Amino acid sequence: MRKIIHRFNAGGVGAIEWYPYWQGRGGPRKFFADVVEQIAEVALSSPKSLIGMNQWSLSKLREYLVSQKIIPQVSLPWLRTLLLRYGIRWRHTKT
């Protein structure tokens, strides 16, 4: 904690905006545009042909992405945020 205080005193808020201890294991997770495109492609594709179910759930989508080695791991809240950020609805409903 003292290191953070000293960094703040020396450089202000900009000096403590990014700090490795806040990022968790291995630093911040970053998915590049090609990986995000692959995630979006899978989320928009028919789950019937890929996993044999009628609609995606976030947990099934995450399991599929990890099993196909598209991504090493991802949390459900982050996956939800990513899909919502790009306007992708993971559950398709029919009326």
Protein backbone atom coordinates (compact mmCIF):
# COMPACT_ATOMS: atom_id res chain seq x y z
CA MET A 1 0.00 0.00 0.00
CA ARG A 2 2.87 2.35 0.74
CA LYS A 3 4.18 1.94 -2.81
CA ILE A 4 0.83 3.06 -4.21
CA ILE A 5 0.74 6.09 -1.90
CA HIS A 6 4.29 7.04 -2.87
CA ARG A 7 3.46 6.67 -6.56
CA PHE A 8 0.39 8.87 -6.12
CA ASN A 9 2.39 11.52 -4.27
CA ALA A 10 5.05 11.50 -6.99
CA GLY A 11 2.83 11.41 -10.09
CA GLY A 12 -0.78 12.01 -9.17
CA VAL A 13 -3.72 9.91 -10.35
CA GLY A 14 -2.02 9.04 -13.65
CA ALA A 15 0.72 7.19 -11.78
CA ILE A 16 -1.73 4.80 -10.11
CA GLU A 17 -4.39 4.31 -12.82
CA TRP A 18 -2.75 1.08 -13.90
CA TYR A 19 -1.08 -1.07 -11.33
CA PRO A 20 -0.25 -4.78 -11.79
CA TYR A 21 -1.68 -5.83 -8.42
CA TRP A 22 -5.14 -4.71 -9.51
CA GLN A 23 -5.14 -6.83 -12.64
CA GLY A 24 -5.27 -10.29 -11.11
CA ARG A 25 -3.20 -13.23 -12.31
CA GLY A 26 -1.04 -12.66 -15.34
CA GLY A 27 -2.10 -9.10 -16.08
CA PRO A 28 -5.20 -7.80 -17.77
CA ARG A 29 -7.02 -10.09 -20.16
CA LYS A 30 -7.11 -8.72 -23.66
CA PHE A 31 -8.87 -10.23 -26.63
CA PHE A 32 -7.81 -8.87 -29.97
CA ALA A 33 -10.21 -8.06 -32.80
CA ASP A 34 -9.79 -11.45 -34.51
CA VAL A 35 -10.70 -13.32 -31.31
CA VAL A 36 -13.71 -11.05 -30.71
CA GLU A 37 -14.83 -11.74 -34.30
CA GLN A 38 -14.57 -15.48 -33.68
CA ILE A 39 -16.58 -15.15 -30.46
CA ALA A 40 -19.24 -13.13 -32.29
CA GLU A 41 -19.32 -15.64 -35.16
CA VAL A 42 -19.90 -18.53 -32.76
CA ALA A 43 -22.53 -16.59 -30.76
CA LEU A 44 -24.45 -15.73 -33.94
CA SER A 45 -24.23 -19.23 -35.42
CA SER A 46 -26.84 -21.91 -34.88
CA PRO A 47 -26.18 -23.83 -31.67
CA LYS A 48 -28.15 -26.75 -33.07
CA SER A 49 -25.37 -27.63 -35.50
CA LEU A 50 -22.54 -26.98 -33.02
CA ILE A 51 -23.74 -28.36 -29.68
CA GLY A 52 -27.13 -29.88 -30.48
CA MET A 53 -29.21 -27.43 -28.46
CA ASN A 54 -31.82 -24.91 -29.60
CA GLN A 55 -30.30 -21.81 -28.03
CA TRP A 56 -27.07 -20.64 -26.48
CA SER A 57 -26.70 -20.01 -22.79
CA LEU A 58 -23.68 -18.07 -21.59
CA SER A 59 -22.25 -21.10 -19.83
CA LYS A 60 -22.66 -23.33 -22.91
CA LEU A 61 -21.16 -20.63 -25.12
CA ARG A 62 -18.18 -20.31 -22.79
CA GLU A 63 -17.73 -24.10 -22.65
CA TYR A 64 -17.79 -24.30 -26.44
CA LEU A 65 -15.30 -21.43 -26.88
CA VAL A 66 -12.88 -23.01 -24.40
CA SER A 67 -13.27 -26.55 -25.80
CA GLN A 68 -12.58 -25.32 -29.35
CA LYS A 69 -9.52 -23.40 -28.03
CA ILE A 70 -10.80 -20.07 -29.32
CA ILE A 71 -10.11 -18.56 -25.91
CA PRO A 72 -8.24 -20.08 -22.94
CA GLN A 73 -10.81 -18.93 -20.36
CA VAL A 74 -13.32 -16.16 -19.76
CA SER A 75 -15.70 -15.26 -16.96
CA LEU A 76 -19.43 -15.23 -17.56
CA PRO A 77 -19.87 -11.54 -16.62
CA TRP A 78 -17.09 -10.53 -19.00
CA LEU A 79 -18.55 -12.65 -21.82
CA ARG A 80 -21.97 -11.08 -21.20
CA THR A 81 -20.43 -7.59 -21.28
CA LEU A 82 -18.56 -8.35 -24.49
CA LEU A 83 -21.65 -9.62 -26.26
CA LEU A 84 -23.78 -6.71 -25.10
CA ARG A 85 -21.08 -4.23 -26.13
CA TYR A 86 -21.29 -5.53 -29.70
CA GLY A 87 -25.08 -5.81 -29.70
CA ILE A 88 -25.16 -9.61 -29.85
CA ARG A 89 -28.07 -11.43 -28.29
CA TRP A 90 -26.95 -14.91 -27.32
CA ARG A 91 -30.46 -16.27 -26.90
CA HIS A 92 -32.53 -16.32 -30.04
CA THR A 93 -36.25 -16.69 -29.47
CA LYS A 94 -39.00 -17.50 -31.92
CA THR A 95 -42.60 -16.38 -31.68
